[in-house]
Amino acid sequence: GYKNVIHDDTTGNPQLNIIRLDDKEYISKKLSQIKKEYADILTLKYYYGYSNREISDLLSIKEGNVRVRLMRAKNALHEIIGDESHEK
């Protein structure tokens, strides 16, 4: 599943690493709040387990662009989940 979508904790909030990452409905909702291209690439990488090379072939983009997009996608998701955890 999506267990490793957010694997680095840059906010100093260890709870971010365990916030319902097993809850597909929750993650689905969060993914719907970021750009579709980011949600798609995270889904290919962490849900379906495709390698960067496979994603590059599937999306017809360079492998370097896959890495950049994954980083931006994780940052976007991290911001959404991070904002939510600060509201509590």
C-alpha atoms as a PDB file:
ATOM      1  CA  GLY A   1       0.000   0.000   0.000  1.00  0.00           C
ATOM      2  CA  TYR A   2       0.957   3.571   0.667  1.00  0.00           C
ATOM      3  CA  LYS A   3       3.066   2.846   3.756  1.00  0.00           C
ATOM      4  CA  ASN A   4       6.186   4.611   2.518  1.00  0.00           C
ATOM      5  CA  VAL A   5       4.679   7.610   0.759  1.00  0.00           C
ATOM      6  CA  ILE A   6       5.970   9.890   3.478  1.00  0.00           C
ATOM      7  CA  HIS A   7       9.113   8.327   4.798  1.00  0.00           C
ATOM      8  CA  ASP A   8      11.191  11.339   5.725  1.00  0.00           C
ATOM      9  CA  ASP A   9      10.074  13.571   8.537  1.00  0.00           C
ATOM     10  CA  THR A  10      11.253  17.124   7.943  1.00  0.00           C
ATOM     11  CA  THR A  11       8.871  18.811  10.377  1.00  0.00           C
ATOM     12  CA  GLY A  12      10.137  17.212  13.562  1.00  0.00           C
ATOM     13  CA  ASN A  13       6.715  15.633  14.008  1.00  0.00           C
ATOM     14  CA  PRO A  14       7.202  11.850  14.241  1.00  0.00           C
ATOM     15  CA  GLN A  15       3.447  11.335  14.151  1.00  0.00           C
ATOM     16  CA  LEU A  16       3.462  12.261  10.459  1.00  0.00           C
ATOM     17  CA  ASN A  17       5.133   8.956   9.706  1.00  0.00           C
ATOM     18  CA  ILE A  18       2.269   6.945  11.179  1.00  0.00           C
ATOM     19  CA  ILE A  19      -0.825   9.033  10.439  1.00  0.00           C
ATOM     20  CA  ARG A  20      -3.233   6.473   9.069  1.00  0.00           C
ATOM     21  CA  LEU A  21      -0.968   5.586   6.137  1.00  0.00           C
ATOM     22  CA  ASP A  22      -2.615   2.166   5.998  1.00  0.00           C
ATOM     23  CA  ASP A  23      -6.041   3.729   5.541  1.00  0.00           C
ATOM     24  CA  LYS A  24      -6.600   3.674   1.775  1.00  0.00           C
ATOM     25  CA  GLU A  25      -9.711   5.825   1.986  1.00  0.00           C
ATOM     26  CA  TYR A  26      -7.824   8.462   3.968  1.00  0.00           C
ATOM     27  CA  ILE A  27      -4.871   8.457   1.560  1.00  0.00           C
ATOM     28  CA  SER A  28      -7.232   8.543  -1.409  1.00  0.00           C
ATOM     29  CA  LYS A  29      -8.883  11.646   0.009  1.00  0.00           C
ATOM     30  CA  LYS A  30      -5.504  13.298   0.588  1.00  0.00           C
ATOM     31  CA  LEU A  31      -4.319  12.405  -2.918  1.00  0.00           C
ATOM     32  CA  SER A  32      -7.428  14.061  -4.354  1.00  0.00           C
ATOM     33  CA  GLN A  33      -6.239  17.328  -2.797  1.00  0.00           C
ATOM     34  CA  ILE A  34      -2.994  17.484  -4.765  1.00  0.00           C
ATOM     35  CA  LYS A  35      -2.346  17.830  -8.502  1.00  0.00           C
ATOM     36  CA  LYS A  36      -3.586  14.827 -10.465  1.00  0.00           C
ATOM     37  CA  GLU A  37      -0.159  14.237 -12.008  1.00  0.00           C
ATOM     38  CA  TYR A  38       1.345  14.061  -8.519  1.00  0.00           C
ATOM     39  CA  ALA A  39      -1.348  11.738  -7.215  1.00  0.00           C
ATOM     40  CA  ASP A  40      -0.897   9.497 -10.275  1.00  0.00           C
ATOM     41  CA  ILE A  41       2.842   9.190  -9.854  1.00  0.00           C
ATOM     42  CA  LEU A  42       2.565   8.411  -6.124  1.00  0.00           C
ATOM     43  CA  THR A  43      -0.044   5.767  -6.906  1.00  0.00           C
ATOM     44  CA  LEU A  44       2.175   4.140  -9.543  1.00  0.00           C
ATOM     45  CA  LYS A  45       5.220   4.170  -7.275  1.00  0.00           C
ATOM     46  CA  TYR A  46       3.840   3.254  -3.861  1.00  0.00           C
ATOM     47  CA  TYR A  47       0.562   1.467  -4.521  1.00  0.00           C
ATOM     48  CA  TYR A  48       1.451  -0.482  -7.649  1.00  0.00           C
ATOM     49  CA  GLY A  49       5.181  -0.683  -6.884  1.00  0.00           C
ATOM     50  CA  TYR A  50       6.493   0.419 -10.273  1.00  0.00           C
ATOM     51  CA  SER A  51      10.153   1.428 -10.519  1.00  0.00           C
ATOM     52  CA  ASN A  52      11.148   4.915 -11.661  1.00  0.00           C
ATOM     53  CA  ARG A  53      12.188   3.397 -15.013  1.00  0.00           C
ATOM     54  CA  GLU A  54       8.771   1.735 -15.463  1.00  0.00           C
ATOM     55  CA  ILE A  55       6.974   4.958 -14.527  1.00  0.00           C
ATOM     56  CA  SER A  56       9.181   6.826 -16.986  1.00  0.00           C
ATOM     57  CA  ASP A  57       8.101   4.428 -19.755  1.00  0.00           C
ATOM     58  CA  LEU A  58       4.429   4.495 -18.730  1.00  0.00           C
ATOM     59  CA  LEU A  59       4.218   8.289 -18.632  1.00  0.00           C
ATOM     60  CA  SER A  60       6.640   8.887 -21.505  1.00  0.00           C
ATOM     61  CA  ILE A  61       8.814  11.196 -19.422  1.00  0.00           C
ATOM     62  CA  LYS A  62      12.515  11.066 -18.539  1.00  0.00           C
ATOM     63  CA  GLU A  63      13.532   9.124 -15.449  1.00  0.00           C
ATOM     64  CA  GLY A  64      14.993  12.312 -13.946  1.00  0.00           C
ATOM     65  CA  ASN A  65      11.571  13.937 -14.296  1.00  0.00           C
ATOM     66  CA  VAL A  66      10.013  10.980 -12.473  1.00  0.00           C
ATOM     67  CA  ARG A  67      12.334  11.606  -9.501  1.00  0.00           C
ATOM     68  CA  VAL A  68      11.560  15.345  -9.482  1.00  0.00           C
ATOM     69  CA  ARG A  69       7.820  14.731  -9.760  1.00  0.00           C
ATOM     70  CA  LEU A  70       7.906  12.146  -6.956  1.00  0.00           C
ATOM     71  CA  MET A  71       9.737  14.595  -4.708  1.00  0.00           C
ATOM     72  CA  ARG A  72       7.240  17.377  -5.473  1.00  0.00           C
ATOM     73  CA  ALA A  73       4.319  14.998  -5.027  1.00  0.00           C
ATOM     74  CA  LYS A  74       5.596  13.818  -1.634  1.00  0.00           C
ATOM     75  CA  ASN A  75       6.149  17.425  -0.562  1.00  0.00           C
ATOM     76  CA  ALA A  76       2.601  18.369  -1.623  1.00  0.00           C
ATOM     77  CA  LEU A  77       1.102  15.419   0.259  1.00  0.00           C
ATOM     78  CA  HIS A  78       3.342  16.111   3.240  1.00  0.00           C
ATOM     79  CA  GLU A  79       2.063  19.710   3.400  1.00  0.00           C
ATOM     80  CA  ILE A  80      -1.576  18.590   3.399  1.00  0.00           C
ATOM     81  CA  ILE A  81      -1.070  15.943   6.066  1.00  0.00           C
ATOM     82  CA  GLY A  82       1.251  18.234   8.032  1.00  0.00           C
ATOM     83  CA  ASP A  83      -1.259  21.099   8.014  1.00  0.00           C
ATOM     84  CA  GLU A  84      -3.958  18.743   9.236  1.00  0.00           C
ATOM     85  CA  SER A  85      -1.848  17.448  12.107  1.00  0.00           C
ATOM     86  CA  HIS A  86      -1.080  20.995  13.268  1.00  0.00           C
ATOM     87  CA  GLU A  87      -4.798  21.792  13.503  1.00  0.00           C
ATOM     88  CA  LYS A  88      -5.295  19.220  16.274  1.00  0.00           C
END
